Amino acid sequence: MCSARRFFETAVGDFEKVLALQPYLESLPPHPKGELLAALAEGWSRLGELQKSQLYLTRMVVELPNTPYSAAATARLENPAAGASITCLGCHTK
């Protein structure tokens, strides 16, 4: 198995655990919530699990309206091949 694939499998598994253990996800500010959902969307995408990736992108649109995360997820959903950036949006963008 390719080491990159193992890395993404581990990362996605860890982020799924964080999501499952996060009892107050709805009350999180947009930055940590957006980064968590975006990490899951990106990880599943890189593993070729596009339906799982789209699930998290859709959650970003619905649960984080009027944020950079919603805009980025919408762009990715509309044109997956363009590879619009969906992570590091809260503090690394202007």
PDB file of N, CA and C in Angstrom:
ATOM      1  N   MET A   1       0.838  -1.174   0.000  1.00  0.00           N
ATOM      2  CA  MET A   1       0.000   0.000   0.000  1.00  0.00           C
ATOM      3  C   MET A   1       0.887   1.243   0.000  1.00  0.00           C
ATOM      4  N   CYS A   2       0.515   2.218  -0.773  1.00  0.00           N
ATOM      5  CA  CYS A   2       1.251   3.468  -0.885  1.00  0.00           C
ATOM      6  C   CYS A   2       1.231   4.213   0.453  1.00  0.00           C
ATOM      7  N   SER A   3       2.351   4.804   0.828  1.00  0.00           N
ATOM      8  CA  SER A   3       2.418   5.495   2.116  1.00  0.00           C
ATOM      9  C   SER A   3       1.494   6.709   2.156  1.00  0.00           C
ATOM     10  N   ALA A   4       1.306   7.386   1.015  1.00  0.00           N
ATOM     11  CA  ALA A   4       0.385   8.529   0.990  1.00  0.00           C
ATOM     12  C   ALA A   4      -1.035   8.068   1.288  1.00  0.00           C
ATOM     13  N   ARG A   5      -1.413   6.941   0.737  1.00  0.00           N
ATOM     14  CA  ARG A   5      -2.761   6.423   0.990  1.00  0.00           C
ATOM     15  C   ARG A   5      -2.926   6.093   2.478  1.00  0.00           C
ATOM     16  N   ARG A   6      -1.934   5.477   3.068  1.00  0.00           N
ATOM     17  CA  ARG A   6      -2.003   5.162   4.502  1.00  0.00           C
ATOM     18  C   ARG A   6      -2.141   6.439   5.327  1.00  0.00           C
ATOM     19  N   PHE A   7      -1.404   7.463   4.938  1.00  0.00           N
ATOM     20  CA  PHE A   7      -1.490   8.744   5.627  1.00  0.00           C
ATOM     21  C   PHE A   7      -2.916   9.290   5.574  1.00  0.00           C
ATOM     22  N   PHE A   8      -3.511   9.295   4.397  1.00  0.00           N
ATOM     23  CA  PHE A   8      -4.870   9.822   4.266  1.00  0.00           C
ATOM     24  C   PHE A   8      -5.884   8.951   4.991  1.00  0.00           C
ATOM     25  N   GLU A   9      -5.696   7.653   4.968  1.00  0.00           N
ATOM     26  CA  GLU A   9      -6.608   6.768   5.697  1.00  0.00           C
ATOM     27  C   GLU A   9      -6.533   7.037   7.199  1.00  0.00           C
ATOM     28  N   THR A  10      -5.324   7.214   7.708  1.00  0.00           N
ATOM     29  CA  THR A  10      -5.151   7.521   9.127  1.00  0.00           C
ATOM     30  C   THR A  10      -5.767   8.873   9.461  1.00  0.00           C
ATOM     31  N   ALA A  11      -5.486   9.865   8.643  1.00  0.00           N
ATOM     32  CA  ALA A  11      -6.005  11.210   8.893  1.00  0.00           C
ATOM     33  C   ALA A  11      -7.528  11.227   8.873  1.00  0.00           C
ATOM     34  N   VAL A  12      -8.127  10.619   7.863  1.00  0.00           N
ATOM     35  CA  VAL A  12      -9.586  10.600   7.765  1.00  0.00           C
ATOM     36  C   VAL A  12     -10.178   9.845   8.957  1.00  0.00           C
ATOM     37  N   GLY A  13      -9.577   8.742   9.330  1.00  0.00           N
ATOM     38  CA  GLY A  13     -10.057   7.995  10.492  1.00  0.00           C
ATOM     39  C   GLY A  13      -9.993   8.824  11.756  1.00  0.00           C
ATOM     40  N   ASP A  14      -8.900   9.556  11.939  1.00  0.00           N
ATOM     41  CA  ASP A  14      -8.756  10.403  13.120  1.00  0.00           C
ATOM     42  C   ASP A  14      -9.777  11.540  13.115  1.00  0.00           C
ATOM     43  N   PHE A  15      -9.965  12.177  11.963  1.00  0.00           N
ATOM     44  CA  PHE A  15     -10.942  13.268  11.881  1.00  0.00           C
ATOM     45  C   PHE A  15     -12.368  12.761  12.071  1.00  0.00           C
ATOM     46  N   GLU A  16     -12.657  11.554  11.592  1.00  0.00           N
ATOM     47  CA  GLU A  16     -13.990  10.972  11.818  1.00  0.00           C
ATOM     48  C   GLU A  16     -14.213  10.746  13.322  1.00  0.00           C
ATOM     49  N   LYS A  17     -13.161  10.310  14.033  1.00  0.00           N
ATOM     50  CA  LYS A  17     -13.275  10.124  15.483  1.00  0.00           C
ATOM     51  C   LYS A  17     -13.518  11.458  16.186  1.00  0.00           C
ATOM     52  N   VAL A  18     -12.798  12.482  15.777  1.00  0.00           N
ATOM     53  CA  VAL A  18     -12.997  13.805  16.366  1.00  0.00           C
ATOM     54  C   VAL A  18     -14.438  14.253  16.148  1.00  0.00           C
ATOM     55  N   LEU A  19     -14.943  14.073  14.949  1.00  0.00           N
ATOM     56  CA  LEU A  19     -16.317  14.467  14.646  1.00  0.00           C
ATOM     57  C   LEU A  19     -17.310  13.702  15.521  1.00  0.00           C
ATOM     58  N   ALA A  20     -17.081  12.423  15.684  1.00  0.00           N
ATOM     59  CA  ALA A  20     -17.981  11.596  16.499  1.00  0.00           C
ATOM     60  C   ALA A  20     -17.934  11.988  17.977  1.00  0.00           C
ATOM     61  N   LEU A  21     -16.786  12.444  18.440  1.00  0.00           N
ATOM     62  CA  LEU A  21     -16.622  12.805  19.850  1.00  0.00           C
ATOM     63  C   LEU A  21     -16.960  14.267  20.136  1.00  0.00           C
ATOM     64  N   GLN A  22     -17.313  15.009  19.110  1.00  0.00           N
ATOM     65  CA  GLN A  22     -17.564  16.438  19.252  1.00  0.00           C
ATOM     66  C   GLN A  22     -19.048  16.678  19.533  1.00  0.00           C
ATOM     67  N   PRO A  23     -19.458  16.683  20.829  1.00  0.00           N
ATOM     68  CA  PRO A  23     -20.877  16.793  21.154  1.00  0.00           C
ATOM     69  C   PRO A  23     -21.469  18.171  20.855  1.00  0.00           C
ATOM     70  N   TYR A  24     -20.642  19.159  20.734  1.00  0.00           N
ATOM     71  CA  TYR A  24     -21.139  20.515  20.548  1.00  0.00           C
ATOM     72  C   TYR A  24     -20.711  21.090  19.190  1.00  0.00           C
ATOM     73  N   LEU A  25     -20.680  20.252  18.168  1.00  0.00           N
ATOM     74  CA  LEU A  25     -20.245  20.682  16.840  1.00  0.00           C
ATOM     75  C   LEU A  25     -21.040  21.888  16.341  1.00  0.00           C
ATOM     76  N   GLU A  26     -22.341  21.887  16.595  1.00  0.00           N
ATOM     77  CA  GLU A  26     -23.182  22.975  16.110  1.00  0.00           C
ATOM     78  C   GLU A  26     -22.792  24.321  16.718  1.00  0.00           C
ATOM     79  N   SER A  27     -22.223  24.296  17.913  1.00  0.00           N
ATOM     80  CA  SER A  27     -21.881  25.555  18.574  1.00  0.00           C
ATOM     81  C   SER A  27     -20.440  26.000  18.305  1.00  0.00           C
ATOM     82  N   LEU A  28     -19.682  25.229  17.572  1.00  0.00           N
ATOM     83  CA  LEU A  28     -18.314  25.631  17.259  1.00  0.00           C
ATOM     84  C   LEU A  28     -18.315  26.845  16.333  1.00  0.00           C
ATOM     85  N   PRO A  29     -17.353  27.727  16.486  1.00  0.00           N
ATOM     86  CA  PRO A  29     -17.213  28.840  15.544  1.00  0.00           C
ATOM     87  C   PRO A  29     -16.918  28.306  14.140  1.00  0.00           C
ATOM     88  N   PRO A  30     -17.135  29.128  13.115  1.00  0.00           N
ATOM     89  CA  PRO A  30     -16.944  28.668  11.736  1.00  0.00           C
ATOM     90  C   PRO A  30     -15.542  28.123  11.436  1.00  0.00           C
ATOM     91  N   HIS A  31     -14.507  28.730  12.009  1.00  0.00           N
ATOM     92  CA  HIS A  31     -13.149  28.279  11.663  1.00  0.00           C
ATOM     93  C   HIS A  31     -12.889  26.817  12.048  1.00  0.00           C
ATOM     94  N   PRO A  32     -13.027  26.419  13.322  1.00  0.00           N
ATOM     95  CA  PRO A  32     -12.740  25.015  13.638  1.00  0.00           C
ATOM     96  C   PRO A  32     -13.732  24.046  12.992  1.00  0.00           C
ATOM     97  N   LYS A  33     -14.979  24.430  12.914  1.00  0.00           N
ATOM     98  CA  LYS A  33     -15.968  23.553  12.281  1.00  0.00           C
ATOM     99  C   LYS A  33     -15.677  23.418  10.789  1.00  0.00           C
ATOM    100  N   GLY A  34     -15.375  24.525  10.140  1.00  0.00           N
ATOM    101  CA  GLY A  34     -15.067  24.490   8.711  1.00  0.00           C
ATOM    102  C   GLY A  34     -13.826  23.679   8.405  1.00  0.00           C
ATOM    103  N   GLU A  35     -12.797  23.848   9.218  1.00  0.00           N
ATOM    104  CA  GLU A  35     -11.560  23.101   8.988  1.00  0.00           C
ATOM    105  C   GLU A  35     -11.763  21.603   9.178  1.00  0.00           C
ATOM    106  N   LEU A  36     -12.559  21.224  10.175  1.00  0.00           N
ATOM    107  CA  LEU A  36     -12.819  19.802  10.405  1.00  0.00           C
ATOM    108  C   LEU A  36     -13.594  19.194   9.237  1.00  0.00           C
ATOM    109  N   LEU A  37     -14.678  19.840   8.833  1.00  0.00           N
ATOM    110  CA  LEU A  37     -15.466  19.312   7.718  1.00  0.00           C
ATOM    111  C   LEU A  37     -14.669  19.322   6.418  1.00  0.00           C
ATOM    112  N   ALA A  38     -13.879  20.370   6.214  1.00  0.00           N
ATOM    113  CA  ALA A  38     -13.062  20.456   5.002  1.00  0.00           C
ATOM    114  C   ALA A  38     -11.972  19.381   4.977  1.00  0.00           C
ATOM    115  N   ALA A  39     -11.377  19.109   6.122  1.00  0.00           N
ATOM    116  CA  ALA A  39     -10.356  18.052   6.182  1.00  0.00           C
ATOM    117  C   ALA A  39     -10.955  16.705   5.814  1.00  0.00           C
ATOM    118  N   LEU A  40     -12.165  16.458   6.282  1.00  0.00           N
ATOM    119  CA  LEU A  40     -12.835  15.204   5.935  1.00  0.00           C
ATOM    120  C   LEU A  40     -13.172  15.162   4.451  1.00  0.00           C
ATOM    121  N   ALA A  41     -13.675  16.262   3.917  1.00  0.00           N
ATOM    122  CA  ALA A  41     -13.998  16.306   2.484  1.00  0.00           C
ATOM    123  C   ALA A  41     -12.746  16.096   1.639  1.00  0.00           C
ATOM    124  N   GLU A  42     -11.675  16.763   2.009  1.00  0.00           N
ATOM    125  CA  GLU A  42     -10.421  16.639   1.249  1.00  0.00           C
ATOM    126  C   GLU A  42      -9.843  15.231   1.358  1.00  0.00           C
ATOM    127  N   GLY A  43      -9.826  14.696   2.559  1.00  0.00           N
ATOM    128  CA  GLY A  43      -9.272  13.354   2.757  1.00  0.00           C
ATOM    129  C   GLY A  43     -10.029  12.295   1.978  1.00  0.00           C
ATOM    130  N   TRP A  44     -11.362  12.323   2.067  1.00  0.00           N
ATOM    131  CA  TRP A  44     -12.154  11.333   1.326  1.00  0.00           C
ATOM    132  C   TRP A  44     -11.975  11.505  -0.173  1.00  0.00           C
ATOM    133  N   SER A  45     -11.860  12.757  -0.621  1.00  0.00           N
ATOM    134  CA  SER A  45     -11.631  12.995  -2.044  1.00  0.00           C
ATOM    135  C   SER A  45     -10.314  12.370  -2.501  1.00  0.00           C
ATOM    136  N   ARG A  46      -9.281  12.576  -1.734  1.00  0.00           N
ATOM    137  CA  ARG A  46      -7.966  12.032  -2.109  1.00  0.00           C
ATOM    138  C   ARG A  46      -7.920  10.515  -2.035  1.00  0.00           C
ATOM    139  N   LEU A  47      -8.838   9.932  -1.270  1.00  0.00           N
ATOM    140  CA  LEU A  47      -8.929   8.471  -1.208  1.00  0.00           C
ATOM    141  C   LEU A  47      -9.856   7.916  -2.290  1.00  0.00           C
ATOM    142  N   GLY A  48     -10.406   8.800  -3.115  1.00  0.00           N
ATOM    143  CA  GLY A  48     -11.284   8.366  -4.195  1.00  0.00           C
ATOM    144  C   GLY A  48     -12.716   8.096  -3.760  1.00  0.00           C
ATOM    145  N   GLU A  49     -13.054   8.478  -2.551  1.00  0.00           N
ATOM    146  CA  GLU A  49     -14.408   8.273  -2.012  1.00  0.00           C
ATOM    147  C   GLU A  49     -15.209   9.558  -2.232  1.00  0.00           C
ATOM    148  N   LEU A  50     -15.617   9.786  -3.480  1.00  0.00           N
ATOM    149  CA  LEU A  50     -16.219  11.057  -3.848  1.00  0.00           C
ATOM    150  C   LEU A  50     -17.577  11.294  -3.206  1.00  0.00           C
ATOM    151  N   GLN A  51     -18.363  10.254  -2.997  1.00  0.00           N
ATOM    152  CA  GLN A  51     -19.657  10.443  -2.336  1.00  0.00           C
ATOM    153  C   GLN A  51     -19.469  10.909  -0.895  1.00  0.00           C
ATOM    154  N   LYS A  52     -18.502  10.325  -0.203  1.00  0.00           N
ATOM    155  CA  LYS A  52     -18.235  10.751   1.174  1.00  0.00           C
ATOM    156  C   LYS A  52     -17.713  12.180   1.189  1.00  0.00           C
ATOM    157  N   SER A  53     -16.864  12.512   0.237  1.00  0.00           N
ATOM    158  CA  SER A  53     -16.349  13.873   0.137  1.00  0.00           C
ATOM    159  C   SER A  53     -17.488  14.853  -0.100  1.00  0.00           C
ATOM    160  N   GLN A  54     -18.378  14.523  -1.009  1.00  0.00           N
ATOM    161  CA  GLN A  54     -19.506  15.410  -1.319  1.00  0.00           C
ATOM    162  C   GLN A  54     -20.424  15.588  -0.115  1.00  0.00           C
ATOM    163  N   LEU A  55     -20.553  14.566   0.700  1.00  0.00           N
ATOM    164  CA  LEU A  55     -21.359  14.677   1.919  1.00  0.00           C
ATOM    165  C   LEU A  55     -20.838  15.805   2.809  1.00  0.00           C
ATOM    166  N   TYR A  56     -19.521  15.838   3.015  1.00  0.00           N
ATOM    167  CA  TYR A  56     -18.935  16.865   3.872  1.00  0.00           C
ATOM    168  C   TYR A  56     -18.929  18.236   3.199  1.00  0.00           C
ATOM    169  N   LEU A  57     -18.750  18.275   1.886  1.00  0.00           N
ATOM    170  CA  LEU A  57     -18.846  19.550   1.180  1.00  0.00           C
ATOM    171  C   LEU A  57     -20.251  20.127   1.307  1.00  0.00           C
ATOM    172  N   THR A  58     -21.245  19.276   1.184  1.00  0.00           N
ATOM    173  CA  THR A  58     -22.634  19.713   1.320  1.00  0.00           C
ATOM    174  C   THR A  58     -22.908  20.210   2.734  1.00  0.00           C
ATOM    175  N   ARG A  59     -22.365  19.522   3.718  1.00  0.00           N
ATOM    176  CA  ARG A  59     -22.513  19.981   5.107  1.00  0.00           C
ATOM    177  C   ARG A  59     -21.893  21.359   5.287  1.00  0.00           C
ATOM    178  N   MET A  60     -20.747  21.599   4.647  1.00  0.00           N
ATOM    179  CA  MET A  60     -20.107  22.905   4.745  1.00  0.00           C
ATOM    180  C   MET A  60     -21.025  23.996   4.186  1.00  0.00           C
ATOM    181  N   VAL A  61     -21.651  23.708   3.069  1.00  0.00           N
ATOM    182  CA  VAL A  61     -22.553  24.691   2.455  1.00  0.00           C
ATOM    183  C   VAL A  61     -23.743  24.964   3.369  1.00  0.00           C
ATOM    184  N   VAL A  62     -24.352  23.905   3.884  1.00  0.00           N
ATOM    185  CA  VAL A  62     -25.565  24.036   4.696  1.00  0.00           C
ATOM    186  C   VAL A  62     -25.272  24.586   6.088  1.00  0.00           C
ATOM    187  N   GLU A  63     -24.240  24.073   6.734  1.00  0.00           N
ATOM    188  CA  GLU A  63     -23.988  24.406   8.138  1.00  0.00           C
ATOM    189  C   GLU A  63     -23.137  25.657   8.344  1.00  0.00           C
ATOM    190  N   LEU A  64     -22.492  26.128   7.283  1.00  0.00           N
ATOM    191  CA  LEU A  64     -21.621  27.309   7.399  1.00  0.00           C
ATOM    192  C   LEU A  64     -21.975  28.356   6.341  1.00  0.00           C
ATOM    193  N   PRO A  65     -23.248  28.753   6.273  1.00  0.00           N
ATOM    194  CA  PRO A  65     -23.649  29.706   5.237  1.00  0.00           C
ATOM    195  C   PRO A  65     -22.935  31.045   5.405  1.00  0.00           C
ATOM    196  N   ASN A  66     -22.729  31.708   4.280  1.00  0.00           N
ATOM    197  CA  ASN A  66     -22.121  33.052   4.279  1.00  0.00           C
ATOM    198  C   ASN A  66     -20.732  33.078   4.902  1.00  0.00           C
ATOM    199  N   THR A  67     -19.986  32.001   4.701  1.00  0.00           N
ATOM    200  CA  THR A  67     -18.599  31.936   5.172  1.00  0.00           C
ATOM    201  C   THR A  67     -17.705  31.542   4.009  1.00  0.00           C
ATOM    202  N   PRO A  68     -16.403  31.747   4.150  1.00  0.00           N
ATOM    203  CA  PRO A  68     -15.483  31.273   3.105  1.00  0.00           C
ATOM    204  C   PRO A  68     -15.580  29.753   2.897  1.00  0.00           C
ATOM    205  N   TYR A  69     -15.946  29.018   3.949  1.00  0.00           N
ATOM    206  CA  TYR A  69     -16.055  27.559   3.834  1.00  0.00           C
ATOM    207  C   TYR A  69     -17.210  27.167   2.924  1.00  0.00           C
ATOM    208  N   SER A  70     -18.323  27.850   3.066  1.00  0.00           N
ATOM    209  CA  SER A  70     -19.471  27.579   2.211  1.00  0.00           C
ATOM    210  C   SER A  70     -19.139  27.903   0.754  1.00  0.00           C
ATOM    211  N   ALA A  71     -18.503  29.039   0.538  1.00  0.00           N
ATOM    212  CA  ALA A  71     -18.136  29.440  -0.822  1.00  0.00           C
ATOM    213  C   ALA A  71     -17.155  28.452  -1.448  1.00  0.00           C
ATOM    214  N   ALA A  72     -16.164  28.035  -0.679  1.00  0.00           N
ATOM    215  CA  ALA A  72     -15.168  27.095  -1.198  1.00  0.00           C
ATOM    216  C   ALA A  72     -15.796  25.738  -1.493  1.00  0.00           C
ATOM    217  N   ALA A  73     -16.674  25.270  -0.606  1.00  0.00           N
ATOM    218  CA  ALA A  73     -17.335  23.989  -0.826  1.00  0.00           C
ATOM    219  C   ALA A  73     -18.240  24.047  -2.047  1.00  0.00           C
ATOM    220  N   THR A  74     -18.933  25.156  -2.222  1.00  0.00           N
ATOM    221  CA  THR A  74     -19.784  25.321  -3.398  1.00  0.00           C
ATOM    222  C   THR A  74     -18.953  25.260  -4.670  1.00  0.00           C
ATOM    223  N   ALA A  75     -17.820  25.951  -4.670  1.00  0.00           N
ATOM    224  CA  ALA A  75     -16.936  25.928  -5.844  1.00  0.00           C
ATOM    225  C   ALA A  75     -16.447  24.519  -6.135  1.00  0.00           C
ATOM    226  N   ARG A  76     -16.085  23.778  -5.100  1.00  0.00           N
ATOM    227  CA  ARG A  76     -15.606  22.401  -5.293  1.00  0.00           C
ATOM    228  C   ARG A  76     -16.726  21.503  -5.806  1.00  0.00           C
ATOM    229  N   LEU A  77     -17.939  21.671  -5.268  1.00  0.00           N
ATOM    230  CA  LEU A  77     -19.072  20.863  -5.721  1.00  0.00           C
ATOM    231  C   LEU A  77     -19.423  21.167  -7.177  1.00  0.00           C
ATOM    232  N   GLU A  78     -19.350  22.432  -7.563  1.00  0.00           N
ATOM    233  CA  GLU A  78     -19.704  22.824  -8.926  1.00  0.00           C
ATOM    234  C   GLU A  78     -18.673  22.396  -9.949  1.00  0.00           C
ATOM    235  N   ASN A  79     -17.396  22.342  -9.550  1.00  0.00           N
ATOM    236  CA  ASN A  79     -16.339  21.964 -10.483  1.00  0.00           C
ATOM    237  C   ASN A  79     -15.233  21.219  -9.736  1.00  0.00           C
ATOM    238  N   PRO A  80     -15.454  19.938  -9.442  1.00  0.00           N
ATOM    239  CA  PRO A  80     -14.458  19.176  -8.678  1.00  0.00           C
ATOM    240  C   PRO A  80     -13.084  19.136  -9.340  1.00  0.00           C
ATOM    241  N   ALA A  81     -13.044  19.140 -10.655  1.00  0.00           N
ATOM    242  CA  ALA A  81     -11.767  19.036 -11.367  1.00  0.00           C
ATOM    243  C   ALA A  81     -10.881  20.252 -11.149  1.00  0.00           C
ATOM    244  N   ALA A  82     -11.459  21.391 -10.814  1.00  0.00           N
ATOM    245  CA  ALA A  82     -10.669  22.603 -10.604  1.00  0.00           C
ATOM    246  C   ALA A  82      -9.860  22.533  -9.317  1.00  0.00           C
ATOM    247  N   GLY A  83     -10.290  21.690  -8.378  1.00  0.00           N
ATOM    248  CA  GLY A  83      -9.542  21.514  -7.135  1.00  0.00           C
ATOM    249  C   GLY A  83      -9.481  22.748  -6.268  1.00  0.00           C
ATOM    250  N   ALA A  84     -10.595  23.498  -6.194  1.00  0.00           N
ATOM    251  CA  ALA A  84     -10.629  24.693  -5.354  1.00  0.00           C
ATOM    252  C   ALA A  84     -10.205  24.360  -3.930  1.00  0.00           C
ATOM    253  N   SER A  85      -9.388  25.206  -3.353  1.00  0.00           N
ATOM    254  CA  SER A  85      -8.923  25.009  -1.981  1.00  0.00           C
ATOM    255  C   SER A  85     -10.098  25.113  -1.019  1.00  0.00           C
ATOM    256  N   ILE A  86     -10.186  24.162  -0.085  1.00  0.00           N
ATOM    257  CA  ILE A  86     -11.278  24.170   0.882  1.00  0.00           C
ATOM    258  C   ILE A  86     -10.778  24.191   2.326  1.00  0.00           C
ATOM    259  N   THR A  87      -9.462  24.145   2.527  1.00  0.00           N
ATOM    260  CA  THR A  87      -8.906  24.164   3.883  1.00  0.00           C
ATOM    261  C   THR A  87      -8.058  25.421   4.082  1.00  0.00           C
ATOM    262  N   CYS A  88      -7.732  25.691   5.326  1.00  0.00           N
ATOM    263  CA  CYS A  88      -6.914  26.849   5.707  1.00  0.00           C
ATOM    264  C   CYS A  88      -7.551  28.146   5.214  1.00  0.00           C
ATOM    265  N   LEU A  89      -8.852  28.269   5.426  1.00  0.00           N
ATOM    266  CA  LEU A  89      -9.569  29.445   4.949  1.00  0.00           C
ATOM    267  C   LEU A  89      -9.790  30.503   6.010  1.00  0.00           C
ATOM    268  N   GLY A  90      -9.800  30.104   7.260  1.00  0.00           N
ATOM    269  CA  GLY A  90     -10.137  31.048   8.314  1.00  0.00           C
ATOM    270  C   GLY A  90      -9.056  32.048   8.632  1.00  0.00           C
ATOM    271  N   CYS A  91      -7.803  31.643   8.568  1.00  0.00           N
ATOM    272  CA  CYS A  91      -6.741  32.559   8.979  1.00  0.00           C
ATOM    273  C   CYS A  91      -5.657  32.733   7.915  1.00  0.00           C
ATOM    274  N   HIS A  92      -5.798  32.063   6.795  1.00  0.00           N
ATOM    275  CA  HIS A  92      -4.774  32.152   5.756  1.00  0.00           C
ATOM    276  C   HIS A  92      -5.274  32.840   4.500  1.00  0.00           C
ATOM    277  N   THR A  93      -6.450  33.426   4.567  1.00  0.00           N
ATOM    278  CA  THR A  93      -6.991  34.141   3.412  1.00  0.00           C
ATOM    279  C   THR A  93      -7.349  35.550   3.841  1.00  0.00           C
ATOM    280  N   LYS A  94      -7.465  36.398   2.877  1.00  0.00           N
ATOM    281  CA  LYS A  94      -7.829  37.795   3.164  1.00  0.00           C
ATOM    282  C   LYS A  94      -9.285  38.011   2.880  1.00  0.00           C
TER     283      LYS A  94
END
